[in-house]
Amino acid sequence: MAINDLPILSALRTKMQWHQERQRVLAENISNANTPNFRPSDLVQPKFDGRGTNVSGGMGSLGMMRTSSTHIAVSGSGQSFRDDGGRNAFLTKPAGNAVNLEDQMLKVSANQMDYAAATSLYSRSLGLLKTAIGKR
């Protein structure tokens, strides 16, 4: 088995490629900030299951249950802690453009930090593997 075929390294490579593509999409959003009727876009973050593949729902989810009748009942199903209700809540400009530069710049900086973290993990993992096989 080649070192690059390890699941953790493959997942980190996929994550770094996603961040590179997301940077391109966010830069396109910013460059079209004054284009009439332009709608910003973003990428869906990859989900990894236990086998390192890009599949959502690999771990499954556990539903909440009431262990006592005095507990608050669960309303709805599968609610997440993240609420995307305000995702498109900002107003469009008179030209119909929906790009919010502050929001896009925050996404760019977060993307840059996440990419730096993934590259650091990747390079440190390679370093550990080299040390383990005595190549250092």
N, C-alpha and C. Protein backbone atom coordinates (compact mmCIF):
# COMPACT_ATOMS: atom_id res chain seq x y z
N MET A 1 0.85 -1.18 0.00
CA MET A 1 0.00 0.00 0.00
C MET A 1 0.90 1.24 0.00
N ALA A 2 0.62 2.15 -0.90
CA ALA A 2 1.37 3.39 -0.98
C ALA A 2 0.93 4.33 0.15
N ILE A 3 1.84 5.21 0.55
CA ILE A 3 1.54 6.15 1.63
C ILE A 3 0.35 7.03 1.26
N ASN A 4 0.26 7.42 0.00
CA ASN A 4 -0.82 8.31 -0.43
C ASN A 4 -2.17 7.62 -0.47
N ASP A 5 -2.21 6.29 -0.34
CA ASP A 5 -3.48 5.56 -0.37
C ASP A 5 -4.12 5.44 1.02
N LEU A 6 -3.46 5.94 2.04
CA LEU A 6 -4.04 5.86 3.39
C LEU A 6 -5.31 6.72 3.45
N PRO A 7 -6.35 6.22 4.10
CA PRO A 7 -7.63 6.95 4.12
C PRO A 7 -7.54 8.36 4.70
N ILE A 8 -6.76 8.56 5.75
CA ILE A 8 -6.68 9.90 6.36
C ILE A 8 -6.02 10.88 5.41
N LEU A 9 -4.99 10.44 4.70
CA LEU A 9 -4.32 11.33 3.75
C LEU A 9 -5.22 11.61 2.55
N SER A 10 -5.96 10.62 2.13
CA SER A 10 -6.90 10.81 1.03
C SER A 10 -7.99 11.81 1.42
N ALA A 11 -8.50 11.70 2.64
CA ALA A 11 -9.54 12.62 3.11
C ALA A 11 -8.98 14.04 3.21
N LEU A 12 -7.75 14.17 3.70
CA LEU A 12 -7.15 15.52 3.80
C LEU A 12 -6.91 16.12 2.43
N ARG A 13 -6.50 15.29 1.46
CA ARG A 13 -6.31 15.79 0.08
C ARG A 13 -7.63 16.26 -0.50
N THR A 14 -8.69 15.49 -0.29
CA THR A 14 -10.01 15.88 -0.77
C THR A 14 -10.45 17.19 -0.13
N LYS A 15 -10.22 17.34 1.17
CA LYS A 15 -10.58 18.56 1.89
C LYS A 15 -9.80 19.75 1.35
N MET A 16 -8.51 19.58 1.07
CA MET A 16 -7.71 20.68 0.53
C MET A 16 -8.18 21.06 -0.87
N GLN A 17 -8.53 20.08 -1.69
CA GLN A 17 -9.04 20.37 -3.03
C GLN A 17 -10.36 21.12 -2.95
N TRP A 18 -11.21 20.75 -1.98
CA TRP A 18 -12.49 21.44 -1.80
C TRP A 18 -12.25 22.89 -1.41
N HIS A 19 -11.30 23.13 -0.51
CA HIS A 19 -11.00 24.51 -0.10
C HIS A 19 -10.46 25.33 -1.26
N GLN A 20 -9.65 24.72 -2.13
CA GLN A 20 -9.14 25.43 -3.29
C GLN A 20 -10.28 25.83 -4.23
N GLU A 21 -11.19 24.91 -4.47
CA GLU A 21 -12.33 25.21 -5.34
C GLU A 21 -13.26 26.24 -4.70
N ARG A 22 -13.45 26.15 -3.39
CA ARG A 22 -14.31 27.12 -2.70
C ARG A 22 -13.70 28.52 -2.77
N GLN A 23 -12.38 28.60 -2.69
CA GLN A 23 -11.71 29.90 -2.80
C GLN A 23 -11.99 30.52 -4.17
N ARG A 24 -11.99 29.69 -5.21
CA ARG A 24 -12.29 30.18 -6.55
C ARG A 24 -13.71 30.70 -6.64
N VAL A 25 -14.66 29.96 -6.07
CA VAL A 25 -16.07 30.35 -6.11
C VAL A 25 -16.29 31.65 -5.32
N LEU A 26 -15.68 31.76 -4.15
CA LEU A 26 -15.84 32.97 -3.35
C LEU A 26 -15.20 34.18 -4.02
N ALA A 27 -14.06 33.98 -4.68
CA ALA A 27 -13.42 35.08 -5.41
C ALA A 27 -14.30 35.52 -6.58
N GLU A 28 -14.98 34.58 -7.21
CA GLU A 28 -15.91 34.91 -8.29
C GLU A 28 -17.09 35.73 -7.76
N ASN A 29 -17.58 35.37 -6.58
CA ASN A 29 -18.66 36.14 -5.96
C ASN A 29 -18.23 37.57 -5.70
N ILE A 30 -17.03 37.74 -5.16
CA ILE A 30 -16.53 39.08 -4.84
C ILE A 30 -16.29 39.88 -6.11
N SER A 31 -15.76 39.24 -7.13
CA SER A 31 -15.47 39.98 -8.37
C SER A 31 -16.75 40.41 -9.09
N ASN A 32 -17.86 39.73 -8.82
CA ASN A 32 -19.13 40.10 -9.45
C ASN A 32 -20.02 40.89 -8.50
N ALA A 33 -19.42 41.55 -7.52
CA ALA A 33 -20.21 42.30 -6.52
C ALA A 33 -21.01 43.44 -7.15
N ASN A 34 -20.58 43.96 -8.30
CA ASN A 34 -21.30 45.07 -8.94
C ASN A 34 -22.03 44.63 -10.21
N THR A 35 -22.09 43.34 -10.47
CA THR A 35 -22.79 42.83 -11.64
C THR A 35 -24.29 42.78 -11.36
N PRO A 36 -25.12 43.38 -12.21
CA PRO A 36 -26.57 43.34 -11.97
C PRO A 36 -27.12 41.91 -11.98
N ASN A 37 -28.04 41.64 -11.08
CA ASN A 37 -28.76 40.36 -10.96
C ASN A 37 -27.85 39.16 -10.69
N PHE A 38 -26.67 39.39 -10.15
CA PHE A 38 -25.77 38.27 -9.83
C PHE A 38 -26.15 37.70 -8.47
N ARG A 39 -26.21 36.40 -8.37
CA ARG A 39 -26.50 35.70 -7.12
C ARG A 39 -25.23 34.96 -6.68
N PRO A 40 -24.78 35.18 -5.44
CA PRO A 40 -23.57 34.48 -4.98
C PRO A 40 -23.82 32.98 -4.83
N SER A 41 -22.77 32.22 -5.00
CA SER A 41 -22.89 30.77 -4.84
C SER A 41 -21.83 30.29 -3.85
N ASP A 42 -22.00 29.09 -3.37
CA ASP A 42 -21.06 28.48 -2.44
C ASP A 42 -21.07 26.98 -2.68
N LEU A 43 -20.08 26.30 -2.15
CA LEU A 43 -19.99 24.85 -2.33
C LEU A 43 -20.53 24.14 -1.10
N VAL A 44 -21.04 22.94 -1.31
CA VAL A 44 -21.49 22.10 -0.21
C VAL A 44 -20.26 21.39 0.34
N GLN A 45 -20.09 21.44 1.65
CA GLN A 45 -18.92 20.84 2.27
C GLN A 45 -18.99 19.32 2.17
N PRO A 46 -17.87 18.68 1.83
CA PRO A 46 -17.89 17.21 1.72
C PRO A 46 -18.08 16.57 3.08
N LYS A 47 -18.78 15.46 3.12
CA LYS A 47 -19.00 14.70 4.34
C LYS A 47 -18.27 13.37 4.18
N PHE A 48 -17.61 12.95 5.23
CA PHE A 48 -16.84 11.72 5.18
C PHE A 48 -17.42 10.72 6.15
N ASP A 49 -17.56 9.48 5.67
CA ASP A 49 -18.00 8.43 6.59
C ASP A 49 -16.74 7.72 7.11
N GLY A 50 -16.91 6.64 7.81
CA GLY A 50 -15.80 5.93 8.42
C GLY A 50 -14.81 5.34 7.43
N ARG A 51 -15.20 5.17 6.20
CA ARG A 51 -14.30 4.58 5.20
C ARG A 51 -13.54 5.63 4.41
N GLY A 52 -13.72 6.91 4.72
CA GLY A 52 -12.99 7.97 4.04
C GLY A 52 -13.58 8.38 2.71
N THR A 53 -14.81 7.96 2.45
CA THR A 53 -15.44 8.33 1.19
C THR A 53 -16.34 9.53 1.38
N ASN A 54 -16.68 10.17 0.30
CA ASN A 54 -17.47 11.40 0.35
C ASN A 54 -18.96 11.05 0.34
N VAL A 55 -19.43 10.51 1.45
CA VAL A 55 -20.83 10.09 1.56
C VAL A 55 -21.39 10.64 2.85
N SER A 56 -22.56 11.23 2.77
CA SER A 56 -23.17 11.75 3.99
C SER A 56 -23.95 10.66 4.69
N GLY A 57 -24.08 10.82 5.97
CA GLY A 57 -24.90 9.90 6.76
C GLY A 57 -24.22 8.58 7.08
N GLY A 58 -22.90 8.53 7.07
CA GLY A 58 -22.18 7.30 7.34
C GLY A 58 -22.34 6.84 8.78
N MET A 59 -22.43 7.78 9.71
CA MET A 59 -22.52 7.42 11.12
C MET A 59 -23.95 7.27 11.59
N GLY A 60 -24.90 7.77 10.84
CA GLY A 60 -26.29 7.69 11.26
C GLY A 60 -26.58 8.75 12.31
N SER A 61 -27.79 8.80 12.78
CA SER A 61 -28.12 9.77 13.82
C SER A 61 -28.98 9.11 14.88
N LEU A 62 -28.86 9.61 16.06
CA LEU A 62 -29.65 9.09 17.17
C LEU A 62 -30.75 10.08 17.48
N GLY A 63 -31.95 9.57 17.60
CA GLY A 63 -33.07 10.42 17.95
C GLY A 63 -33.11 10.65 19.46
N MET A 64 -33.73 11.75 19.85
CA MET A 64 -33.87 12.02 21.27
C MET A 64 -35.07 11.26 21.80
N MET A 65 -34.96 10.84 23.04
CA MET A 65 -36.09 10.15 23.65
C MET A 65 -36.33 10.70 25.04
N ARG A 66 -37.57 10.62 25.45
CA ARG A 66 -37.95 11.08 26.78
C ARG A 66 -37.84 9.92 27.75
N THR A 67 -37.08 10.13 28.82
CA THR A 67 -36.95 9.08 29.82
C THR A 67 -37.88 9.32 31.00
N SER A 68 -38.55 10.49 30.98
CA SER A 68 -39.49 10.81 32.04
C SER A 68 -40.61 11.65 31.44
N SER A 69 -41.78 11.52 31.99
CA SER A 69 -42.91 12.30 31.46
C SER A 69 -42.77 13.78 31.79
N THR A 70 -41.86 14.13 32.69
CA THR A 70 -41.66 15.54 33.04
C THR A 70 -40.67 16.24 32.09
N HIS A 71 -40.01 15.46 31.25
CA HIS A 71 -39.08 16.06 30.29
C HIS A 71 -39.85 16.75 29.15
N ILE A 72 -39.22 17.74 28.55
CA ILE A 72 -39.84 18.45 27.44
C ILE A 72 -39.90 17.52 26.24
N ALA A 73 -41.05 17.52 25.56
CA ALA A 73 -41.22 16.66 24.39
C ALA A 73 -40.40 17.18 23.22
N VAL A 74 -39.95 16.26 22.37
CA VAL A 74 -39.18 16.61 21.19
C VAL A 74 -40.14 17.08 20.11
N SER A 75 -39.89 18.26 19.57
CA SER A 75 -40.73 18.75 18.49
C SER A 75 -39.95 18.72 17.19
N GLY A 76 -40.58 18.34 16.12
CA GLY A 76 -39.89 18.24 14.83
C GLY A 76 -39.03 17.00 14.80
N SER A 77 -38.30 16.83 13.72
CA SER A 77 -37.44 15.66 13.63
C SER A 77 -36.09 16.07 13.07
N GLY A 78 -35.05 15.60 13.71
CA GLY A 78 -33.71 15.79 13.22
C GLY A 78 -33.25 17.23 13.12
N GLN A 79 -33.63 18.05 14.09
CA GLN A 79 -33.19 19.43 14.03
C GLN A 79 -31.70 19.50 14.31
N SER A 80 -31.05 20.40 13.63
CA SER A 80 -29.62 20.59 13.78
C SER A 80 -29.36 21.81 14.66
N PHE A 81 -28.18 21.88 15.22
CA PHE A 81 -27.81 23.05 15.99
C PHE A 81 -27.55 24.24 15.09
N ARG A 82 -27.19 24.00 13.86
CA ARG A 82 -26.97 25.09 12.92
C ARG A 82 -28.29 25.48 12.29
N ASP A 83 -28.55 26.74 12.30
CA ASP A 83 -29.77 27.26 11.71
C ASP A 83 -29.40 28.12 10.52
N ASP A 84 -29.80 27.71 9.34
CA ASP A 84 -29.51 28.47 8.13
C ASP A 84 -30.65 29.41 7.78
N GLY A 85 -31.46 29.78 8.75
CA GLY A 85 -32.59 30.65 8.49
C GLY A 85 -32.19 32.02 7.98
N GLY A 86 -31.05 32.53 8.40
CA GLY A 86 -30.61 33.84 7.98
C GLY A 86 -29.67 33.80 6.79
N ARG A 87 -29.60 32.69 6.12
CA ARG A 87 -28.64 32.52 5.02
C ARG A 87 -28.84 33.54 3.92
N ASN A 88 -30.05 33.71 3.45
CA ASN A 88 -30.32 34.66 2.39
C ASN A 88 -31.19 35.81 2.90
N ALA A 89 -30.97 36.19 4.15
CA ALA A 89 -31.82 37.20 4.75
C ALA A 89 -31.41 38.62 4.38
N PHE A 90 -30.22 38.81 3.79
CA PHE A 90 -29.81 40.17 3.46
C PHE A 90 -30.53 40.65 2.22
N LEU A 91 -30.62 41.96 2.11
CA LEU A 91 -31.36 42.59 1.02
C LEU A 91 -30.51 42.67 -0.24
N THR A 92 -31.17 42.69 -1.37
CA THR A 92 -30.46 42.86 -2.63
C THR A 92 -30.33 44.34 -2.93
N LYS A 93 -29.31 44.67 -3.71
CA LYS A 93 -29.10 46.06 -4.13
C LYS A 93 -30.13 46.41 -5.18
N PRO A 94 -30.30 47.69 -5.50
CA PRO A 94 -31.28 48.08 -6.52
C PRO A 94 -31.07 47.39 -7.87
N ALA A 95 -29.84 47.02 -8.21
CA ALA A 95 -29.58 46.34 -9.48
C ALA A 95 -29.93 44.85 -9.41
N GLY A 96 -30.37 44.35 -8.25
CA GLY A 96 -30.73 42.94 -8.11
C GLY A 96 -29.58 42.07 -7.67
N ASN A 97 -28.45 42.64 -7.34
CA ASN A 97 -27.28 41.90 -6.91
C ASN A 97 -27.43 41.51 -5.45
N ALA A 98 -27.11 40.26 -5.11
CA ALA A 98 -27.28 39.78 -3.75
C ALA A 98 -25.96 39.49 -3.05
N VAL A 99 -24.84 40.04 -3.55
CA VAL A 99 -23.54 39.79 -2.95
C VAL A 99 -23.34 40.72 -1.75
N ASN A 100 -23.08 40.14 -0.61
CA ASN A 100 -22.75 40.89 0.60
C ASN A 100 -21.25 40.74 0.79
N LEU A 101 -20.49 41.81 0.53
CA LEU A 101 -19.04 41.74 0.56
C LEU A 101 -18.48 41.34 1.92
N GLU A 102 -19.08 41.83 2.99
CA GLU A 102 -18.60 41.47 4.33
C GLU A 102 -18.75 39.98 4.57
N ASP A 103 -19.89 39.43 4.19
CA ASP A 103 -20.15 38.01 4.35
C ASP A 103 -19.17 37.18 3.51
N GLN A 104 -18.94 37.61 2.28
CA GLN A 104 -18.02 36.88 1.40
C GLN A 104 -16.58 36.93 1.93
N MET A 105 -16.17 38.08 2.45
CA MET A 105 -14.81 38.20 2.98
C MET A 105 -14.63 37.36 4.25
N LEU A 106 -15.67 37.26 5.07
CA LEU A 106 -15.61 36.37 6.24
C LEU A 106 -15.46 34.91 5.80
N LYS A 107 -16.20 34.53 4.77
CA LYS A 107 -16.09 33.17 4.25
C LYS A 107 -14.70 32.90 3.68
N VAL A 108 -14.13 33.91 2.99
CA VAL A 108 -12.79 33.75 2.42
C VAL A 108 -11.76 33.54 3.52
N SER A 109 -11.82 34.35 4.58
CA SER A 109 -10.84 34.22 5.65
C SER A 109 -11.01 32.90 6.41
N ALA A 110 -12.24 32.47 6.64
CA ALA A 110 -12.48 31.18 7.29
C ALA A 110 -11.98 30.03 6.41
N ASN A 111 -12.20 30.15 5.11
CA ASN A 111 -11.74 29.13 4.17
C ASN A 111 -10.21 29.05 4.18
N GLN A 112 -9.55 30.21 4.24
CA GLN A 112 -8.10 30.25 4.25
C GLN A 112 -7.54 29.59 5.51
N MET A 113 -8.16 29.86 6.66
CA MET A 113 -7.70 29.25 7.91
C MET A 113 -7.92 27.74 7.90
N ASP A 114 -9.07 27.29 7.39
CA ASP A 114 -9.34 25.86 7.33
C ASP A 114 -8.39 25.15 6.38
N TYR A 115 -8.05 25.80 5.26
CA TYR A 115 -7.09 25.23 4.31
C TYR A 115 -5.71 25.11 4.96
N ALA A 116 -5.30 26.14 5.70
CA ALA A 116 -4.01 26.11 6.38
C ALA A 116 -3.98 24.98 7.42
N ALA A 117 -5.08 24.77 8.12
CA ALA A 117 -5.14 23.68 9.10
C ALA A 117 -5.05 22.32 8.41
N ALA A 118 -5.73 22.15 7.28
CA ALA A 118 -5.69 20.88 6.56
C ALA A 118 -4.31 20.60 6.00
N THR A 119 -3.64 21.62 5.46
CA THR A 119 -2.29 21.40 4.93
C THR A 119 -1.30 21.11 6.04
N SER A 120 -1.48 21.74 7.19
CA SER A 120 -0.62 21.45 8.33
C SER A 120 -0.79 20.01 8.80
N LEU A 121 -2.04 19.57 8.92
CA LEU A 121 -2.30 18.17 9.30
C LEU A 121 -1.72 17.20 8.29
N TYR A 122 -1.85 17.52 7.02
CA TYR A 122 -1.34 16.65 5.96
C TYR A 122 0.18 16.54 6.05
N SER A 123 0.86 17.67 6.16
CA SER A 123 2.33 17.63 6.20
C SER A 123 2.83 16.97 7.48
N ARG A 124 2.16 17.20 8.61
CA ARG A 124 2.57 16.55 9.86
C ARG A 124 2.31 15.04 9.80
N SER A 125 1.24 14.63 9.16
CA SER A 125 0.96 13.20 9.02
C SER A 125 2.03 12.52 8.17
N LEU A 126 2.43 13.20 7.10
CA LEU A 126 3.52 12.64 6.28
C LEU A 126 4.82 12.57 7.06
N GLY A 127 5.09 13.59 7.87
CA GLY A 127 6.28 13.58 8.71
C GLY A 127 6.28 12.45 9.71
N LEU A 128 5.13 12.20 10.32
CA LEU A 128 5.03 11.09 11.27
C LEU A 128 5.24 9.74 10.59
N LEU A 129 4.68 9.59 9.38
CA LEU A 129 4.85 8.35 8.65
C LEU A 129 6.31 8.15 8.25
N LYS A 130 6.97 9.22 7.85
CA LYS A 130 8.41 9.11 7.51
C LYS A 130 9.24 8.72 8.73
N THR A 131 8.90 9.30 9.89
CA THR A 131 9.60 8.95 11.10
C THR A 131 9.36 7.49 11.45
N ALA A 132 8.13 7.03 11.28
CA ALA A 132 7.78 5.65 11.63
C ALA A 132 8.53 4.63 10.77
N ILE A 133 8.77 4.97 9.51
CA ILE A 133 9.46 4.02 8.64
C ILE A 133 10.96 4.29 8.58
N GLY A 134 11.44 5.29 9.35
CA GLY A 134 12.87 5.54 9.46
C GLY A 134 13.47 6.32 8.31
N LYS A 135 12.72 7.12 7.63
CA LYS A 135 13.22 7.90 6.48
C LYS A 135 13.65 9.30 6.89
N ARG A 136 13.64 9.63 8.17
CA ARG A 136 14.01 10.97 8.61
C ARG A 136 15.37 11.03 9.13
